[in-house]
C-alpha atoms as a PDB file:
ATOM      1  CA  UNK A   1       7.502 101.526 160.635  1.00  0.00           C
ATOM      2  CA  UNK A   2       5.246 103.828 160.206  1.00  0.00           C
ATOM      3  CA  UNK A   3       3.045 104.275 157.152  1.00  0.00           C
ATOM      4  CA  UNK A   4       4.784 107.338 155.813  1.00  0.00           C
ATOM      5  CA  UNK A   5       8.108 105.845 156.643  1.00  0.00           C
ATOM      6  CA  UNK A   6       6.483 102.416 154.228  1.00  0.00           C
ATOM      7  CA  UNK A   7       5.352 104.565 151.654  1.00  0.00           C
ATOM      8  CA  UNK A   8       8.729 106.066 150.939  1.00  0.00           C
ATOM      9  CA  UNK A   9      10.356 103.079 150.709  1.00  0.00           C
ATOM     10  CA  UNK A  10       8.033 101.943 148.311  1.00  0.00           C
ATOM     11  CA  UNK A  11       8.311 104.558 146.010  1.00  0.00           C
ATOM     12  CA  UNK A  12      11.859 104.903 145.979  1.00  0.00           C
ATOM     13  CA  UNK A  13      12.147 101.019 145.164  1.00  0.00           C
ATOM     14  CA  UNK A  14       9.330 101.399 142.423  1.00  0.00           C
ATOM     15  CA  UNK A  15      10.758 104.419 141.022  1.00  0.00           C
ATOM     16  CA  UNK A  16      12.695 102.534 138.186  1.00  0.00           C
ATOM     17  CA  UNK A  17      10.125 100.710 137.065  1.00  0.00           C
ATOM     18  CA  UNK A  18       6.361 103.100 136.832  1.00  0.00           C
ATOM     19  CA  UNK A  19       6.082 106.417 135.084  1.00  0.00           C
ATOM     20  CA  UNK A  20       6.379 109.784 136.906  1.00  0.00           C
ATOM     21  CA  UNK A  21       2.855 110.493 138.738  1.00  0.00           C
ATOM     22  CA  UNK A  22       1.842 106.742 139.050  1.00  0.00           C
ATOM     23  CA  UNK A  23       4.623 105.934 141.617  1.00  0.00           C
ATOM     24  CA  UNK A  24       2.368 107.066 145.020  1.00  0.00           C
ATOM     25  CA  UNK A  25      -0.059 105.908 143.540  1.00  0.00           C
ATOM     26  CA  UNK A  26       0.575 102.031 143.528  1.00  0.00           C
ATOM     27  CA  UNK A  27       2.607 102.079 146.584  1.00  0.00           C
ATOM     28  CA  UNK A  28      -0.583 103.365 148.137  1.00  0.00           C
ATOM     29  CA  UNK A  29      -2.093 100.140 146.922  1.00  0.00           C
ATOM     30  CA  UNK A  30      -0.067  98.011 147.835  1.00  0.00           C
ATOM     31  CA  UNK A  31      -0.072  99.278 151.770  1.00  0.00           C
ATOM     32  CA  UNK A  32      -3.683  99.779 151.756  1.00  0.00           C
ATOM     33  CA  UNK A  33      -4.347  95.995 150.577  1.00  0.00           C
ATOM     34  CA  UNK A  34      -1.855  94.302 152.418  1.00  0.00           C
ATOM     35  CA  UNK A  35      -0.200  92.899 149.616  1.00  0.00           C
ATOM     36  CA  UNK A  36       3.513  90.954 149.388  1.00  0.00           C
ATOM     37  CA  UNK A  37       4.308  92.911 145.792  1.00  0.00           C
ATOM     38  CA  UNK A  38       7.964  91.542 144.076  1.00  0.00           C
ATOM     39  CA  UNK A  39       9.571  92.855 140.613  1.00  0.00           C
ATOM     40  CA  UNK A  40      10.854  89.067 139.463  1.00  0.00           C
ATOM     41  CA  UNK A  41      13.082  88.533 136.286  1.00  0.00           C
ATOM     42  CA  UNK A  42      12.052  87.714 132.764  1.00  0.00           C
ATOM     43  CA  UNK A  43       9.085  84.988 133.029  1.00  0.00           C
ATOM     44  CA  UNK A  44       8.786  83.333 129.783  1.00  0.00           C
ATOM     45  CA  UNK A  45       4.922  82.271 130.063  1.00  0.00           C
ATOM     46  CA  UNK A  46       3.329  85.539 131.830  1.00  0.00           C
ATOM     47  CA  UNK A  47       4.020  89.058 132.213  1.00  0.00           C
ATOM     48  CA  UNK A  48       2.596  89.744 136.505  1.00  0.00           C
ATOM     49  CA  UNK A  49       1.317  87.150 138.688  1.00  0.00           C
ATOM     50  CA  UNK A  50      -1.535  87.028 141.807  1.00  0.00           C
ATOM     51  CA  UNK A  51      -1.984  84.525 144.491  1.00  0.00           C
ATOM     52  CA  UNK A  52      -5.127  85.050 146.898  1.00  0.00           C
ATOM     53  CA  UNK A  53      -4.606  84.484 150.723  1.00  0.00           C
ATOM     54  CA  UNK A  54      -3.971  81.115 151.272  1.00  0.00           C
ATOM     55  CA  UNK A  55      -1.747  79.076 154.534  1.00  0.00           C
ATOM     56  CA  UNK A  56      -1.112  82.118 156.477  1.00  0.00           C
ATOM     57  CA  UNK A  57       0.020  84.332 153.305  1.00  0.00           C
ATOM     58  CA  UNK A  58      -1.721  87.302 152.205  1.00  0.00           C
ATOM     59  CA  UNK A  59      -2.030  88.831 148.997  1.00  0.00           C
ATOM     60  CA  UNK A  60       0.742  88.350 146.886  1.00  0.00           C
ATOM     61  CA  UNK A  61       1.620  90.319 143.307  1.00  0.00           C
ATOM     62  CA  UNK A  62       4.973  89.784 141.251  1.00  0.00           C
ATOM     63  CA  UNK A  63       5.556  91.786 138.540  1.00  0.00           C
ATOM     64  CA  UNK A  64       8.085  91.171 135.321  1.00  0.00           C
ATOM     65  CA  UNK A  65      10.750  93.965 135.932  1.00  0.00           C
ATOM     66  CA  UNK A  66      11.632  93.570 132.018  1.00  0.00           C
ATOM     67  CA  UNK A  67       9.007  95.822 130.649  1.00  0.00           C
ATOM     68  CA  UNK A  68       9.008  99.075 130.109  1.00  0.00           C
ATOM     69  CA  UNK A  69       7.095 101.210 132.524  1.00  0.00           C
ATOM     70  CA  UNK A  70       3.995 101.402 130.531  1.00  0.00           C
ATOM     71  CA  UNK A  71       3.720  97.951 130.607  1.00  0.00           C
ATOM     72  CA  UNK A  72       4.868  97.138 134.281  1.00  0.00           C
ATOM     73  CA  UNK A  73       2.502  99.899 135.227  1.00  0.00           C
ATOM     74  CA  UNK A  74      -0.532  97.751 132.904  1.00  0.00           C
ATOM     75  CA  UNK A  75       0.709  94.615 134.303  1.00  0.00           C
ATOM     76  CA  UNK A  76       0.486  95.947 138.053  1.00  0.00           C
ATOM     77  CA  UNK A  77      -2.883  97.584 137.414  1.00  0.00           C
ATOM     78  CA  UNK A  78      -3.956  94.448 135.822  1.00  0.00           C
ATOM     79  CA  UNK A  79      -2.921  92.036 139.231  1.00  0.00           C
ATOM     80  CA  UNK A  80      -4.661  94.651 141.350  1.00  0.00           C
ATOM     81  CA  UNK A  81      -7.777  94.017 139.719  1.00  0.00           C
ATOM     82  CA  UNK A  82      -7.339  90.430 140.166  1.00  0.00           C
ATOM     83  CA  UNK A  83      -6.941  91.733 144.127  1.00  0.00           C
ATOM     84  CA  UNK A  84      -9.702  93.353 144.460  1.00  0.00           C
ATOM     85  CA  UNK A  85     -12.344  91.238 142.596  1.00  0.00           C
ATOM     86  CA  UNK A  86     -11.168  88.251 145.004  1.00  0.00           C
ATOM     87  CA  UNK A  87     -12.074  90.329 147.899  1.00  0.00           C
ATOM     88  CA  UNK A  88     -15.625  91.606 146.754  1.00  0.00           C
ATOM     89  CA  UNK A  89     -15.861  87.815 144.933  1.00  0.00           C
ATOM     90  CA  UNK A  90     -13.680  85.434 146.587  1.00  0.00           C
ATOM     91  CA  UNK A  91     -14.081  82.585 143.968  1.00  0.00           C
ATOM     92  CA  UNK A  92     -17.568  82.755 142.820  1.00  0.00           C
ATOM     93  CA  UNK A  93     -16.675  84.622 139.017  1.00  0.00           C
ATOM     94  CA  UNK A  94     -14.562  83.923 136.598  1.00  0.00           C
ATOM     95  CA  UNK A  95     -10.409  85.063 136.861  1.00  0.00           C
ATOM     96  CA  UNK A  96     -11.023  87.655 133.925  1.00  0.00           C
ATOM     97  CA  UNK A  97     -15.128  87.825 133.855  1.00  0.00           C
ATOM     98  CA  UNK A  98     -17.372  91.248 133.745  1.00  0.00           C
ATOM     99  CA  UNK A  99     -16.127  91.798 137.302  1.00  0.00           C
ATOM    100  CA  UNK A 100     -12.472  91.919 136.824  1.00  0.00           C
ATOM    101  CA  UNK A 101     -12.776  93.602 133.869  1.00  0.00           C
ATOM    102  CA  UNK A 102     -14.969  96.325 135.919  1.00  0.00           C
ATOM    103  CA  UNK A 103     -12.148  96.462 138.789  1.00  0.00           C
ATOM    104  CA  UNK A 104      -9.247  96.493 136.314  1.00  0.00           C
ATOM    105  CA  UNK A 105     -10.951  99.871 134.878  1.00  0.00           C
ATOM    106  CA  UNK A 106     -12.235 101.577 137.895  1.00  0.00           C
ATOM    107  CA  UNK A 107      -8.568 101.387 139.636  1.00  0.00           C
ATOM    108  CA  UNK A 108      -7.463 102.184 136.232  1.00  0.00           C
ATOM    109  CA  UNK A 109      -9.184 105.191 136.176  1.00  0.00           C
ATOM    110  CA  UNK A 110      -7.586 107.730 139.038  1.00  0.00           C
ATOM    111  CA  UNK A 111      -4.193 107.136 136.913  1.00  0.00           C
ATOM    112  CA  UNK A 112      -5.221 109.475 133.923  1.00  0.00           C
ATOM    113  CA  UNK A 113      -5.884 112.276 136.436  1.00  0.00           C
ATOM    114  CA  UNK A 114      -2.383 111.694 138.178  1.00  0.00           C
ATOM    115  CA  UNK A 115       0.051 111.712 135.200  1.00  0.00           C
ATOM    116  CA  UNK A 116      -0.292 112.839 132.093  1.00  0.00           C
ATOM    117  CA  UNK A 117       0.868 109.640 129.583  1.00  0.00           C
ATOM    118  CA  UNK A 118       1.862 109.211 126.447  1.00  0.00           C
ATOM    119  CA  UNK A 119      -1.230 110.234 123.818  1.00  0.00           C
ATOM    120  CA  UNK A 120      -0.506 106.632 121.661  1.00  0.00           C
ATOM    121  CA  UNK A 121      -0.417 105.046 125.250  1.00  0.00           C
ATOM    122  CA  UNK A 122      -2.805 106.763 126.323  1.00  0.00           C
ATOM    123  CA  UNK A 123      -5.750 106.039 123.109  1.00  0.00           C
ATOM    124  CA  UNK A 124      -4.334 102.456 123.039  1.00  0.00           C
ATOM    125  CA  UNK A 125      -5.203 102.230 126.720  1.00  0.00           C
ATOM    126  CA  UNK A 126      -8.523 103.603 126.996  1.00  0.00           C
ATOM    127  CA  UNK A 127      -9.329 101.681 123.831  1.00  0.00           C
ATOM    128  CA  UNK A 128      -8.080  98.722 125.757  1.00  0.00           C
ATOM    129  CA  UNK A 129      -9.757  98.997 128.860  1.00  0.00           C
ATOM    130  CA  UNK A 130     -13.569  99.052 127.101  1.00  0.00           C
ATOM    131  CA  UNK A 131     -13.322  95.227 127.132  1.00  0.00           C
ATOM    132  CA  UNK A 132     -10.179  94.188 128.890  1.00  0.00           C
ATOM    133  CA  UNK A 133      -8.526  90.460 127.834  1.00  0.00           C
ATOM    134  CA  UNK A 134      -6.976  87.839 129.962  1.00  0.00           C
ATOM    135  CA  UNK A 135      -3.614  89.424 128.572  1.00  0.00           C
ATOM    136  CA  UNK A 136      -2.540  92.624 127.395  1.00  0.00           C
ATOM    137  CA  UNK A 137      -0.336  90.066 125.063  1.00  0.00           C
ATOM    138  CA  UNK A 138      -3.959  89.903 123.298  1.00  0.00           C
ATOM    139  CA  UNK A 139      -4.524  93.383 121.893  1.00  0.00           C
ATOM    140  CA  UNK A 140      -2.938  93.874 119.308  1.00  0.00           C
ATOM    141  CA  UNK A 141      -2.876  97.706 119.114  1.00  0.00           C
ATOM    142  CA  UNK A 142      -2.095  98.143 122.837  1.00  0.00           C
ATOM    143  CA  UNK A 143       0.949  95.769 122.232  1.00  0.00           C
ATOM    144  CA  UNK A 144       2.341  97.584 119.061  1.00  0.00           C
ATOM    145  CA  UNK A 145       1.726 101.167 120.908  1.00  0.00           C
ATOM    146  CA  UNK A 146       3.792  99.461 123.989  1.00  0.00           C
ATOM    147  CA  UNK A 147       7.229  98.039 121.708  1.00  0.00           C
ATOM    148  CA  UNK A 148       7.740 101.637 120.800  1.00  0.00           C
ATOM    149  CA  UNK A 149       8.947 101.781 124.291  1.00  0.00           C
ATOM    150  CA  UNK A 150      10.912  98.807 124.940  1.00  0.00           C
ATOM    151  CA  UNK A 151      15.274  99.434 125.382  1.00  0.00           C
ATOM    152  CA  UNK A 152      15.591  96.717 123.386  1.00  0.00           C
ATOM    153  CA  UNK A 153      16.284  97.359 119.816  1.00  0.00           C
ATOM    154  CA  UNK A 154      18.405  94.070 118.923  1.00  0.00           C
ATOM    155  CA  UNK A 155      14.867  92.287 118.122  1.00  0.00           C
ATOM    156  CA  UNK A 156      12.478  92.391 116.042  1.00  0.00           C
ATOM    157  CA  UNK A 157       9.182  91.247 115.660  1.00  0.00           C
ATOM    158  CA  UNK A 158       8.201  87.617 113.854  1.00  0.00           C
ATOM    159  CA  UNK A 159       5.507  89.831 111.426  1.00  0.00           C
ATOM    160  CA  UNK A 160       8.613  92.179 110.023  1.00  0.00           C
ATOM    161  CA  UNK A 161      10.495  89.112 108.913  1.00  0.00           C
ATOM    162  CA  UNK A 162      10.045  87.362 105.271  1.00  0.00           C
ATOM    163  CA  UNK A 163       8.278  83.595 104.670  1.00  0.00           C
ATOM    164  CA  UNK A 164      11.543  81.394 104.788  1.00  0.00           C
ATOM    165  CA  UNK A 165      13.963  83.734 106.701  1.00  0.00           C
ATOM    166  CA  UNK A 166      15.116  82.403 110.232  1.00  0.00           C
ATOM    167  CA  UNK A 167      15.466  83.476 113.579  1.00  0.00           C
ATOM    168  CA  UNK A 168      16.183  83.022 117.140  1.00  0.00           C
ATOM    169  CA  UNK A 169      13.676  82.415 119.895  1.00  0.00           C
ATOM    170  CA  UNK A 170      14.065  81.042 123.663  1.00  0.00           C
ATOM    171  CA  UNK A 171      17.564  79.740 121.893  1.00  0.00           C
ATOM    172  CA  UNK A 172      16.097  78.046 119.052  1.00  0.00           C
ATOM    173  CA  UNK A 173      16.245  78.680 115.433  1.00  0.00           C
ATOM    174  CA  UNK A 174      13.723  79.117 113.450  1.00  0.00           C
ATOM    175  CA  UNK A 175      12.178  79.581 110.248  1.00  0.00           C
ATOM    176  CA  UNK A 176       9.235  81.490 109.586  1.00  0.00           C
ATOM    177  CA  UNK A 177       5.964  79.859 107.752  1.00  0.00           C
ATOM    178  CA  UNK A 178       3.383  81.089 106.021  1.00  0.00           C
ATOM    179  CA  UNK A 179       0.600  83.750 108.053  1.00  0.00           C
ATOM    180  CA  UNK A 180      -2.251  82.044 110.447  1.00  0.00           C
ATOM    181  CA  UNK A 181      -4.185  85.262 111.701  1.00  0.00           C
ATOM    182  CA  UNK A 182      -2.331  87.003 114.396  1.00  0.00           C
ATOM    183  CA  UNK A 183       0.329  83.890 114.500  1.00  0.00           C
ATOM    184  CA  UNK A 184       2.495  82.583 112.191  1.00  0.00           C
ATOM    185  CA  UNK A 185       3.746  78.971 111.247  1.00  0.00           C
ATOM    186  CA  UNK A 186       7.448  78.696 112.164  1.00  0.00           C
ATOM    187  CA  UNK A 187       9.363  75.254 112.071  1.00  0.00           C
ATOM    188  CA  UNK A 188      11.726  75.148 114.351  1.00  0.00           C
ATOM    189  CA  UNK A 189      15.291  73.747 112.640  1.00  0.00           C
ATOM    190  CA  UNK A 190      16.635  70.980 114.505  1.00  0.00           C
ATOM    191  CA  UNK A 191      13.502  68.964 115.275  1.00  0.00           C
ATOM    192  CA  UNK A 192      10.888  70.135 112.315  1.00  0.00           C
ATOM    193  CA  UNK A 193       8.270  70.418 114.754  1.00  0.00           C
ATOM    194  CA  UNK A 194       6.154  73.476 113.704  1.00  0.00           C
ATOM    195  CA  UNK A 195       4.431  76.379 116.442  1.00  0.00           C
ATOM    196  CA  UNK A 196       2.756  78.826 115.819  1.00  0.00           C
ATOM    197  CA  UNK A 197       4.614  81.968 117.015  1.00  0.00           C
ATOM    198  CA  UNK A 198       2.530  85.325 117.470  1.00  0.00           C
ATOM    199  CA  UNK A 199       3.153  87.877 115.174  1.00  0.00           C
ATOM    200  CA  UNK A 200       4.349  90.679 117.819  1.00  0.00           C
ATOM    201  CA  UNK A 201       6.865  88.260 119.500  1.00  0.00           C
ATOM    202  CA  UNK A 202      10.033  89.564 120.116  1.00  0.00           C
ATOM    203  CA  UNK A 203      12.955  87.525 117.907  1.00  0.00           C
ATOM    204  CA  UNK A 204      16.348  87.703 117.463  1.00  0.00           C
ATOM    205  CA  UNK A 205      17.203  87.852 113.497  1.00  0.00           C
ATOM    206  CA  UNK A 206      20.235  84.790 112.241  1.00  0.00           C
END
């Protein structure tokens, strides 16, 4: 299969997951780095994953397919930054250290010229890239902006609930408690155990 045909196939497959103008860029990354790229179903603990070459397998990246297009793009570049960091430094640097932050920023820079992102996304993203964290979920401002583009309108945020309100999360029922900075201390009804739940977590009202 020629590179042109391969790229066309990747672009077709990625079309519904990425913002217009970024599809060919991501397809080129997949091809140039000979990466096995996979779109997965929703995972509770992570949005994406990178695996370095091991046991005869090459670079592998997986990204959750349930996030909106801007979240998918950010997660994809996040994981490719791990790939390029590994190529340059192997295991000699921290997973989300300065080397990774530099790679993340460098990989994202061309995107601002390839497509016109919504103003709120671009501003929040540029601010986030000044000191990227291990997860975009850790950045309140970026997460708030990204959630504006989610299709799931039935969900609400924990921080929008009142003290004592009940909500559903992962098939369990909780009662919203007091605020702990970014988190809320919530009690599961069945077990009476208390958990810290992120204020930006999407839940269903009970």
